[in-house]
Structure formats: structure tokens, C-alpha cells
Amino acid sequence: MKARHSALCVEEAEEVVKELRAALAEAGISLPSLGLDPVSLAREAPCPLVELGRCSLETARRIAAAVMR
């Protein structure tokens, strides 16, 4: 049961990353490092975290502007 729950958590996290990537693309923003944090997946019962990664100042400004809308 625990393994199935963990698998569902990882699947859900992967779906959220896809949704976030698509939403950012709609706003003209690309975060190449966007993905799941591998350390959070290494646990016996993974609890995935989303890794946004690094970005340029211009990308950070675009994210701020998109969030402020």
C-alpha cells in the first residue's frame, strides 16, 4: 500500500511539473531546470518536491510580472 501511495505521489508531481511548464510557456517563460528534485525522490517513501532551478534576471522579471497579473 505504501509503495502504491508513493508511486501516486510521484505521478502527481510529474503531472504538476508538466502543468507548470505549460503555464510558464503560455507566459513566454522557460525554466530549463524545471523538474522533480532527485533528493526528495531518494527516500524510502518519496515526497516529491519541484525543483525550479536557476534562471536569468530577465526570466525572473518575467515570472514576477506573470505572478503580479
N, C-alpha and C. Protein backbone atom coordinates (compact mmCIF):
# COMPACT_ATOMS: atom_id res chain seq x y z
N MET A 1 0.83 -1.20 0.00
CA MET A 1 0.00 0.00 0.00
C MET A 1 0.87 1.25 0.00
N LYS A 2 1.93 1.27 0.83
CA LYS A 2 2.82 2.42 0.92
C LYS A 2 3.52 2.68 -0.41
N ALA A 3 3.94 1.60 -1.08
CA ALA A 3 4.61 1.74 -2.37
C ALA A 3 3.67 2.34 -3.41
N ARG A 4 2.42 1.94 -3.39
CA ARG A 4 1.43 2.47 -4.33
C ARG A 4 1.18 3.95 -4.07
N HIS A 5 1.09 4.31 -2.78
CA HIS A 5 0.89 5.72 -2.42
C HIS A 5 2.08 6.55 -2.92
N SER A 6 3.29 6.04 -2.71
CA SER A 6 4.49 6.75 -3.16
C SER A 6 4.49 6.92 -4.67
N ALA A 7 4.11 5.87 -5.38
CA ALA A 7 4.05 5.94 -6.84
C ALA A 7 3.05 6.99 -7.29
N LEU A 8 1.90 7.05 -6.62
CA LEU A 8 0.89 8.05 -6.96
C LEU A 8 1.40 9.46 -6.69
N CYS A 9 2.14 9.65 -5.60
CA CYS A 9 2.71 10.96 -5.28
C CYS A 9 3.68 11.40 -6.38
N VAL A 10 4.51 10.48 -6.83
CA VAL A 10 5.48 10.81 -7.88
C VAL A 10 4.75 11.11 -9.19
N GLU A 11 3.76 10.31 -9.53
CA GLU A 11 2.98 10.56 -10.75
C GLU A 11 2.30 11.93 -10.70
N GLU A 12 1.72 12.26 -9.56
CA GLU A 12 1.06 13.55 -9.40
C GLU A 12 2.07 14.69 -9.53
N ALA A 13 3.23 14.52 -8.93
CA ALA A 13 4.27 15.54 -9.01
C ALA A 13 4.74 15.74 -10.46
N GLU A 14 4.88 14.65 -11.20
CA GLU A 14 5.28 14.76 -12.61
C GLU A 14 4.22 15.51 -13.40
N GLU A 15 2.95 15.26 -13.11
CA GLU A 15 1.86 15.95 -13.79
C GLU A 15 1.87 17.44 -13.46
N VAL A 16 2.12 17.77 -12.21
CA VAL A 16 2.18 19.17 -11.81
C VAL A 16 3.32 19.89 -12.52
N VAL A 17 4.46 19.23 -12.66
CA VAL A 17 5.58 19.83 -13.38
C VAL A 17 5.19 20.09 -14.84
N LYS A 18 4.49 19.16 -15.47
CA LYS A 18 4.02 19.37 -16.84
C LYS A 18 3.08 20.56 -16.93
N GLU A 19 2.16 20.66 -15.97
CA GLU A 19 1.21 21.77 -15.95
C GLU A 19 1.93 23.10 -15.76
N LEU A 20 2.88 23.13 -14.85
CA LEU A 20 3.64 24.35 -14.60
C LEU A 20 4.46 24.74 -15.82
N ARG A 21 5.10 23.76 -16.46
CA ARG A 21 5.88 24.04 -17.66
C ARG A 21 4.99 24.64 -18.76
N ALA A 22 3.80 24.07 -18.93
CA ALA A 22 2.86 24.57 -19.94
C ALA A 22 2.38 25.98 -19.60
N ALA A 23 2.07 26.23 -18.34
CA ALA A 23 1.61 27.56 -17.92
C ALA A 23 2.71 28.60 -18.13
N LEU A 24 3.94 28.23 -17.78
CA LEU A 24 5.06 29.15 -17.99
C LEU A 24 5.27 29.41 -19.49
N ALA A 25 5.14 28.38 -20.30
CA ALA A 25 5.30 28.54 -21.75
C ALA A 25 4.26 29.50 -22.30
N GLU A 26 3.03 29.42 -21.79
CA GLU A 26 1.96 30.34 -22.21
C GLU A 26 2.33 31.78 -21.90
N ALA A 27 3.10 31.98 -20.84
CA ALA A 27 3.54 33.32 -20.45
C ALA A 27 4.87 33.69 -21.11
N GLY A 28 5.36 32.82 -21.99
CA GLY A 28 6.62 33.08 -22.68
C GLY A 28 7.84 32.85 -21.82
N ILE A 29 7.72 31.99 -20.82
CA ILE A 29 8.80 31.74 -19.87
C ILE A 29 9.24 30.29 -19.97
N SER A 30 10.55 30.08 -19.96
CA SER A 30 11.11 28.74 -19.99
C SER A 30 12.09 28.58 -18.84
N LEU A 31 11.90 27.54 -18.05
CA LEU A 31 12.84 27.19 -16.98
C LEU A 31 13.43 25.82 -17.33
N PRO A 32 14.59 25.80 -17.98
CA PRO A 32 15.17 24.53 -18.43
C PRO A 32 15.43 23.53 -17.31
N SER A 33 15.67 24.01 -16.10
CA SER A 33 15.97 23.11 -14.99
C SER A 33 14.72 22.64 -14.24
N LEU A 34 13.54 23.04 -14.68
CA LEU A 34 12.30 22.66 -14.01
C LEU A 34 12.16 21.14 -14.02
N GLY A 35 11.92 20.58 -12.86
CA GLY A 35 11.74 19.13 -12.75
C GLY A 35 11.56 18.73 -11.31
N LEU A 36 11.59 17.43 -11.08
CA LEU A 36 11.47 16.93 -9.72
C LEU A 36 12.84 16.89 -9.06
N ASP A 37 12.88 17.27 -7.81
CA ASP A 37 14.12 17.25 -7.04
C ASP A 37 14.52 15.80 -6.77
N PRO A 38 15.67 15.37 -7.30
CA PRO A 38 16.05 13.96 -7.14
C PRO A 38 16.27 13.54 -5.69
N VAL A 39 16.71 14.45 -4.83
CA VAL A 39 16.93 14.10 -3.42
C VAL A 39 15.61 13.74 -2.75
N SER A 40 14.55 14.47 -3.09
CA SER A 40 13.25 14.20 -2.48
C SER A 40 12.67 12.87 -2.97
N LEU A 41 13.16 12.36 -4.08
CA LEU A 41 12.69 11.08 -4.62
C LEU A 41 13.49 9.91 -4.07
N ALA A 42 14.61 10.18 -3.41
CA ALA A 42 15.52 9.12 -2.96
C ALA A 42 15.09 8.48 -1.64
N ARG A 43 14.09 9.02 -1.01
CA ARG A 43 13.62 8.47 0.26
C ARG A 43 12.90 7.14 0.04
N GLU A 44 12.76 6.39 1.11
CA GLU A 44 12.03 5.11 1.03
C GLU A 44 10.59 5.35 0.57
N ALA A 45 9.97 6.39 1.12
CA ALA A 45 8.62 6.80 0.71
C ALA A 45 8.75 8.21 0.16
N PRO A 46 8.96 8.33 -1.16
CA PRO A 46 9.20 9.65 -1.76
C PRO A 46 8.09 10.66 -1.50
N CYS A 47 8.51 11.87 -1.23
CA CYS A 47 7.62 13.01 -1.07
C CYS A 47 8.18 14.07 -2.01
N PRO A 48 7.82 14.02 -3.29
CA PRO A 48 8.47 14.85 -4.31
C PRO A 48 8.35 16.34 -4.07
N LEU A 49 9.46 17.02 -4.33
CA LEU A 49 9.49 18.48 -4.35
C LEU A 49 9.80 18.90 -5.78
N VAL A 50 9.26 20.04 -6.18
CA VAL A 50 9.52 20.58 -7.52
C VAL A 50 10.75 21.48 -7.46
N GLU A 51 11.69 21.20 -8.32
CA GLU A 51 12.91 22.00 -8.43
C GLU A 51 12.71 22.99 -9.57
N LEU A 52 12.70 24.27 -9.25
CA LEU A 52 12.50 25.29 -10.28
C LEU A 52 13.80 25.60 -11.00
N GLY A 53 14.91 25.45 -10.33
CA GLY A 53 16.21 25.68 -10.95
C GLY A 53 16.59 27.14 -11.03
N ARG A 54 17.67 27.38 -11.71
CA ARG A 54 18.19 28.74 -11.86
C ARG A 54 17.59 29.39 -13.10
N CYS A 55 17.61 30.71 -13.09
CA CYS A 55 17.14 31.43 -14.28
C CYS A 55 17.86 32.77 -14.36
N SER A 56 17.78 33.37 -15.53
CA SER A 56 18.39 34.67 -15.74
C SER A 56 17.56 35.76 -15.06
N LEU A 57 18.14 36.95 -14.95
CA LEU A 57 17.40 38.07 -14.38
C LEU A 57 16.17 38.38 -15.21
N GLU A 58 16.31 38.31 -16.51
CA GLU A 58 15.17 38.58 -17.40
C GLU A 58 14.04 37.58 -17.14
N THR A 59 14.39 36.32 -17.01
CA THR A 59 13.36 35.31 -16.73
C THR A 59 12.72 35.56 -15.37
N ALA A 60 13.52 35.92 -14.38
CA ALA A 60 12.97 36.23 -13.06
C ALA A 60 12.00 37.40 -13.14
N ARG A 61 12.33 38.40 -13.92
CA ARG A 61 11.42 39.55 -14.10
C ARG A 61 10.12 39.12 -14.76
N ARG A 62 10.22 38.24 -15.76
CA ARG A 62 9.03 37.77 -16.46
C ARG A 62 8.14 36.95 -15.54
N ILE A 63 8.76 36.15 -14.68
CA ILE A 63 7.98 35.37 -13.71
C ILE A 63 7.28 36.32 -12.74
N ALA A 64 7.99 37.30 -12.24
CA ALA A 64 7.40 38.28 -11.32
C ALA A 64 6.23 38.98 -11.97
N ALA A 65 6.40 39.41 -13.21
CA ALA A 65 5.32 40.11 -13.91
C ALA A 65 4.11 39.20 -14.12
N ALA A 66 4.36 37.94 -14.44
CA ALA A 66 3.26 36.98 -14.65
C ALA A 66 2.51 36.73 -13.35
N VAL A 67 3.23 36.63 -12.26
CA VAL A 67 2.60 36.38 -10.96
C VAL A 67 1.79 37.60 -10.50
N MET A 68 2.27 38.78 -10.81
CA MET A 68 1.61 40.01 -10.39
C MET A 68 0.30 40.27 -11.15
N ARG A 69 0.09 39.61 -12.26
CA ARG A 69 -1.14 39.85 -13.05
C ARG A 69 -2.37 39.44 -12.32
